Protein backbone atom coordinates (compact mmCIF):
# COMPACT_ATOMS: atom_id res chain seq x y z
CA MET A 1 23.82 14.36 -17.96
CA PRO A 2 26.63 17.22 -19.05
CA LYS A 3 27.80 17.00 -22.20
CA GLY A 4 30.58 17.22 -21.13
CA GLN A 5 31.00 14.22 -19.33
CA THR A 6 30.29 11.93 -22.84
CA GLU A 7 32.61 13.93 -24.38
CA ALA A 8 35.26 13.50 -21.45
CA ALA A 9 34.52 9.77 -22.11
CA GLN A 10 34.93 10.01 -26.23
CA ALA A 11 38.31 11.67 -25.27
CA LEU A 12 39.81 9.41 -23.01
CA GLY A 13 38.58 6.14 -25.20
CA LEU A 14 35.81 5.02 -23.77
CA SER A 15 33.99 2.35 -26.16
CA PRO A 16 30.17 3.35 -26.13
CA GLY A 17 29.41 0.44 -23.64
CA ALA A 18 31.71 0.94 -21.50
CA MET A 19 30.67 5.25 -21.30
CA GLN A 20 27.19 3.77 -20.81
CA ARG A 21 28.50 1.51 -17.90
CA LEU A 22 31.17 3.16 -16.50
CA ILE A 23 29.91 7.16 -16.82
CA VAL A 24 26.18 7.09 -17.99
CA LEU A 25 24.65 5.09 -15.43
CA PRO A 26 26.28 5.49 -12.02
CA GLN A 27 24.62 8.76 -12.25
CA ALA A 28 21.60 8.36 -13.53
CA LEU A 29 20.81 5.41 -11.28
CA ARG A 30 21.89 8.22 -8.75
CA ALA A 31 19.53 10.45 -9.80
CA VAL A 32 16.66 7.93 -9.49
CA ILE A 33 17.20 5.62 -7.00
CA PRO A 34 15.25 8.15 -4.36
CA ALA A 35 11.96 8.28 -6.99
CA MET A 36 12.31 4.74 -7.32
CA VAL A 37 11.89 3.46 -3.76
CA GLY A 38 9.81 5.89 -3.37
CA GLN A 39 8.06 4.28 -6.27
CA PHE A 40 8.39 0.98 -4.26
CA ILE A 41 7.04 2.23 -0.96
CA ALA A 42 3.52 3.11 -2.95
CA LEU A 43 3.38 0.23 -4.57
CA PHE A 44 3.68 -1.89 -1.27
CA LYS A 45 1.19 0.48 0.45
CA ASP A 46 -1.46 0.50 -2.50
CA THR A 47 -1.15 -3.74 -3.34
CA SER A 48 0.05 -6.55 -0.98
CA LEU A 49 2.99 -7.90 -2.33
CA LEU A 50 2.65 -10.20 0.06
CA VAL A 51 0.39 -12.22 -2.32
CA ILE A 52 2.57 -11.85 -5.46
CA VAL A 53 5.28 -13.74 -3.42
CA GLY A 54 2.51 -16.47 -2.79
CA ILE A 55 2.27 -15.71 1.10
CA LEU A 56 -1.13 -15.53 2.46
CA GLU A 57 -1.94 -11.46 2.94
CA PHE A 58 -1.77 -10.31 6.72
CA LEU A 59 -5.12 -8.73 6.43
CA ASP A 60 -6.11 -12.53 5.46
CA VAL A 61 -4.51 -13.98 8.50
CA ALA A 62 -6.30 -11.83 10.97
CA SER A 63 -9.64 -12.43 9.67
CA ILE A 64 -9.05 -16.15 10.24
CA ALA A 65 -7.83 -15.40 13.14
CA ASN A 66 -10.52 -13.32 14.49
CA ASN A 67 -12.62 -16.20 13.49
CA GLN A 68 -11.63 -19.13 15.26
CA VAL A 69 -13.75 -20.56 17.94
CA GLU A 70 -11.14 -19.90 20.45
CA PHE A 71 -10.68 -16.31 19.61
CA LEU A 72 -15.19 -15.71 18.97
CA GLY A 73 -15.90 -12.74 21.16
CA ARG A 74 -13.66 -12.00 23.15
CA GLY A 75 -12.68 -8.78 21.42
CA LEU A 76 -9.16 -9.43 19.86
CA ALA A 77 -9.95 -7.85 16.30
CA SER A 78 -7.98 -4.50 17.31
CA VAL A 79 -5.35 -6.67 18.86
CA THR A 80 -4.72 -8.58 15.38
CA TYR A 81 -5.43 -5.65 12.91
CA VAL A 82 -2.94 -3.13 15.09
CA PHE A 83 -0.38 -6.16 14.96
CA VAL A 84 -0.85 -6.05 10.68
CA ALA A 85 -0.54 -2.51 10.99
CA ILE A 86 3.20 -3.08 13.06
CA GLY A 87 3.83 -5.19 10.23
CA TYR A 88 3.28 -3.19 7.20
CA TRP A 89 4.95 -0.08 8.66
CA ALA A 90 7.40 -2.12 9.87
CA PHE A 91 8.47 -3.39 6.09
CA ALA A 92 7.77 -0.01 5.15
CA TYR A 93 10.01 1.55 7.41
CA THR A 94 13.07 -1.30 6.63
CA MET A 95 12.87 0.01 3.21
CA SER A 96 12.75 3.46 3.76
CA LYS A 97 15.95 3.18 5.77
CA GLU A 98 17.81 1.33 3.27
CA SER A 99 17.41 3.78 0.65
CA ARG A 100 18.82 6.30 3.10
CA ARG A 101 21.51 4.08 3.59
CA LEU A 102 21.93 3.23 -0.22
CA GLU A 103 21.71 7.20 -0.53
CA ALA A 104 24.79 7.92 1.73
CA LYS A 105 26.52 5.05 0.34
CA LEU A 106 26.15 6.69 -3.16
CA GLY A 107 26.65 10.07 -2.35
CA ILE A 108 23.43 12.03 -3.74
CA GLY A 109 22.99 14.87 -2.66
CA THR A 110 26.79 15.21 -2.03
CA ARG A 111 29.07 16.87 -4.18
């Protein structure tokens, strides 16, 4: 952040806490939100956040469904794994879309 920003805040008589809250933090968040969202999406892709929440992981549910007596020998394994892939894609796409909406709302990339 440019030094002039903090000097202007001091010239206005803002306290250090108010200066951080009103001047520094909004600018810092605008700069790091794209990287934070990118890291969150990568974390979601690398690990199953559903386990942390306490819900069975999609892949475990697909395996359980494929091992049911009614489904054995019907060739439905590919269908369940396509459904799992669509579920992961939908969640990651939603996070990415919300990130773009938040960036547009905060005016990131515009002057």
